[in-house]
Amino acid sequence: MTDADYMDQALHEAEDALARGDWPVGSVLVRDGVVLATGQNRQNTESDVTWHAEFEALRRATREHGAAMLAGATVYSTMEPCPMCAGAMKLAGIARLVLGARHATLRRTDLGTYSIETFCRMAGYDLALTTGVRERECTELRRRWGKDSVRAS
């Protein structure tokens, strides 16, 4: 399977989250071509600000396969991971991130000047990064949500 195929799976997870009333973010965790787990944002329906898609995928993969299986894995995320999720990915030993939408593209203001690259520099995290995979679809889905804090033009 290709990066685009795995991102399609993440988009499906994000669509499910949106239909349920949660932030439309989906994540797929893959190691050696095997999907270890998927995740969806559930902040609203679970009333838990930490229930992000990447966190859910990491938790599920750890429970189902053990923490050691996460080392070297790839996370596919429809939205750039927040600092909390980036920290969890670092601790888990995630080696690669493939992402669709970026905070800067959506002009979000709730995270200031944050980007995954600034997190990695600050934290000493050597993360392989692939951007722009299904970017248009991921960005359009997020815009359908319409509840991001944005800067005025």
Protein backbone atom coordinates (compact mmCIF):
# COMPACT_ATOMS: atom_id res chain seq x y z
CA MET A 1 0.00 0.00 0.00
CA THR A 2 1.07 3.58 -0.62
CA ASP A 3 1.13 6.63 1.64
CA ALA A 4 -2.00 7.82 -0.15
CA ASP A 5 -3.78 4.52 0.61
CA TYR A 6 -3.03 4.77 4.33
CA MET A 7 -4.06 8.44 4.33
CA ASP A 8 -7.35 7.38 2.73
CA GLN A 9 -7.87 5.15 5.78
CA ALA A 10 -7.08 8.08 8.07
CA LEU A 11 -9.57 10.23 6.14
CA HIS A 12 -12.23 7.57 6.69
CA GLU A 13 -11.53 7.72 10.44
CA ALA A 14 -11.77 11.52 10.32
CA GLU A 15 -15.09 11.37 8.45
CA ASP A 16 -16.46 9.08 11.17
CA ALA A 17 -15.33 11.56 13.83
CA LEU A 18 -17.01 14.45 12.01
CA ALA A 19 -20.26 12.51 11.60
CA ARG A 20 -20.22 11.86 15.36
CA GLY A 21 -19.66 15.54 16.21
CA ASP A 22 -15.94 15.41 16.97
CA TRP A 23 -13.04 17.27 15.41
CA PRO A 24 -12.47 15.58 12.03
CA VAL A 25 -9.05 14.07 12.65
CA GLY A 26 -8.08 10.51 11.86
CA SER A 27 -4.87 8.59 12.34
CA VAL A 28 -3.45 5.26 11.20
CA LEU A 29 -0.40 3.64 12.81
CA VAL A 30 1.59 1.33 10.52
CA ARG A 31 4.72 -0.74 10.99
CA ASP A 32 6.27 -2.87 8.26
CA GLY A 33 3.15 -2.60 6.12
CA VAL A 34 0.82 -3.75 8.90
CA VAL A 35 -1.83 -1.45 10.36
CA LEU A 36 -1.33 -1.70 14.12
CA ALA A 37 -4.22 0.59 15.02
CA THR A 38 -6.39 3.48 13.91
CA GLY A 39 -7.61 6.46 15.86
CA GLN A 40 -10.21 9.20 15.78
CA ASN A 41 -10.57 12.43 17.67
CA ARG A 42 -13.20 11.98 20.40
CA GLN A 43 -12.71 15.12 22.47
CA ASN A 44 -16.34 16.17 22.28
CA THR A 45 -18.14 12.85 22.61
CA GLU A 46 -15.86 11.57 25.39
CA SER A 47 -15.53 14.97 27.13
CA ASP A 48 -11.77 14.42 27.24
CA VAL A 49 -9.42 17.08 25.85
CA THR A 50 -6.63 14.49 25.47
CA TRP A 51 -8.62 12.11 23.26
CA HIS A 52 -6.89 12.96 19.98
CA ALA A 53 -6.69 10.63 16.98
CA GLU A 54 -2.94 10.03 17.31
CA PHE A 55 -3.27 9.31 21.03
CA GLU A 56 -6.07 6.84 20.40
CA ALA A 57 -4.03 5.01 17.75
CA LEU A 58 -0.98 4.89 20.04
CA ARG A 59 -3.04 3.61 22.98
CA ARG A 60 -4.79 0.95 20.93
CA ALA A 61 -1.58 -0.26 19.29
CA THR A 62 0.17 -0.45 22.66
CA ARG A 63 -2.68 -2.46 24.19
CA GLU A 64 -3.00 -4.81 21.22
CA HIS A 65 0.65 -5.29 20.23
CA GLY A 66 2.83 -4.01 23.09
CA ALA A 67 4.83 -0.80 23.35
CA ALA A 68 7.90 -2.25 21.63
CA MET A 69 5.96 -2.64 18.36
CA LEU A 70 5.52 1.12 18.07
CA ALA A 71 9.24 1.83 17.78
CA GLY A 72 10.04 2.55 14.15
CA ALA A 73 6.41 2.80 13.10
CA THR A 74 4.77 5.42 10.88
CA VAL A 75 1.83 7.60 11.86
CA TYR A 76 -0.53 8.83 9.14
CA SER A 77 -2.57 11.79 10.34
CA THR A 78 -5.09 13.95 8.54
CA MET A 79 -4.03 16.93 10.70
CA GLU A 80 -0.64 18.00 11.97
CA PRO A 81 -0.23 16.50 15.44
CA CYS A 82 -0.43 18.92 18.36
CA PRO A 83 2.49 19.22 20.82
CA MET A 84 0.89 16.67 23.18
CA CYS A 85 0.56 14.08 20.44
CA ALA A 86 4.01 14.88 19.06
CA GLY A 87 5.45 14.26 22.54
CA ALA A 88 3.65 10.93 22.78
CA MET A 89 4.93 9.96 19.34
CA LYS A 90 8.49 10.77 20.41
CA LEU A 91 8.15 8.71 23.59
CA ALA A 92 6.71 5.80 21.58
CA GLY A 93 9.62 5.87 19.15
CA ILE A 94 7.56 6.73 16.08
CA ALA A 95 10.06 7.11 13.24
CA ARG A 96 7.96 8.72 10.52
CA LEU A 97 4.98 11.01 10.19
CA VAL A 98 2.89 11.36 7.05
CA LEU A 99 0.44 14.21 7.25
CA GLY A 100 -2.27 15.87 5.27
CA ALA A 101 -3.44 19.26 6.59
CA ARG A 102 -1.17 21.74 8.36
CA HIS A 103 -2.10 24.23 11.08
CA ALA A 104 -0.52 27.07 9.09
CA THR A 105 -2.57 26.23 5.99
CA LEU A 106 -5.74 26.51 8.06
CA ARG A 107 -4.37 29.72 9.61
CA ARG A 108 -5.07 28.40 13.12
CA THR A 109 -4.19 30.71 15.97
CA ASP A 110 -4.78 28.43 18.95
CA LEU A 111 -1.29 26.92 18.72
CA GLY A 112 0.62 30.12 18.01
CA THR A 113 3.58 29.50 15.70
CA TYR A 114 3.72 25.78 16.43
CA SER A 115 4.63 23.29 13.73
CA ILE A 116 5.78 19.69 13.97
CA GLU A 117 9.19 20.86 12.75
CA THR A 118 9.55 23.37 15.61
CA PHE A 119 8.55 20.68 18.11
CA CYS A 120 11.13 18.27 16.70
CA ARG A 121 13.90 20.88 16.88
CA MET A 122 12.97 21.82 20.44
CA ALA A 123 12.64 18.20 21.63
CA GLY A 124 15.57 16.73 19.74
CA TYR A 125 13.21 14.40 17.87
CA ASP A 126 14.62 12.96 14.65
CA LEU A 127 11.30 12.36 12.87
CA ALA A 128 11.11 11.61 9.15
CA LEU A 129 8.34 13.82 7.78
CA THR A 130 6.29 13.52 4.61
CA THR A 131 3.77 16.31 4.04
CA GLY A 132 1.05 17.05 1.55
CA VAL A 133 -0.41 13.54 1.24
CA ARG A 134 -4.09 14.01 0.40
CA GLU A 135 -3.61 17.58 1.62
CA ARG A 136 -6.54 18.96 -0.36
CA GLU A 137 -8.94 16.34 1.00
CA CYS A 138 -7.70 16.70 4.57
CA THR A 139 -7.91 20.49 4.43
CA GLU A 140 -11.38 20.45 2.88
CA LEU A 141 -12.62 18.07 5.59
CA ARG A 142 -11.24 20.33 8.29
CA ARG A 143 -12.83 23.39 6.68
CA ARG A 144 -16.18 21.56 6.66
CA TRP A 145 -15.80 21.35 10.43
CA GLY A 146 -15.44 25.14 10.44
CA LYS A 147 -14.61 25.52 14.13
CA ASP A 148 -10.87 26.25 14.03
CA SER A 149 -9.61 29.52 15.54
CA VAL A 150 -8.30 31.50 12.57
CA ARG A 151 -6.53 34.80 11.96
CA ALA A 152 -8.36 37.54 10.11
CA SER A 153 -6.94 38.18 6.64
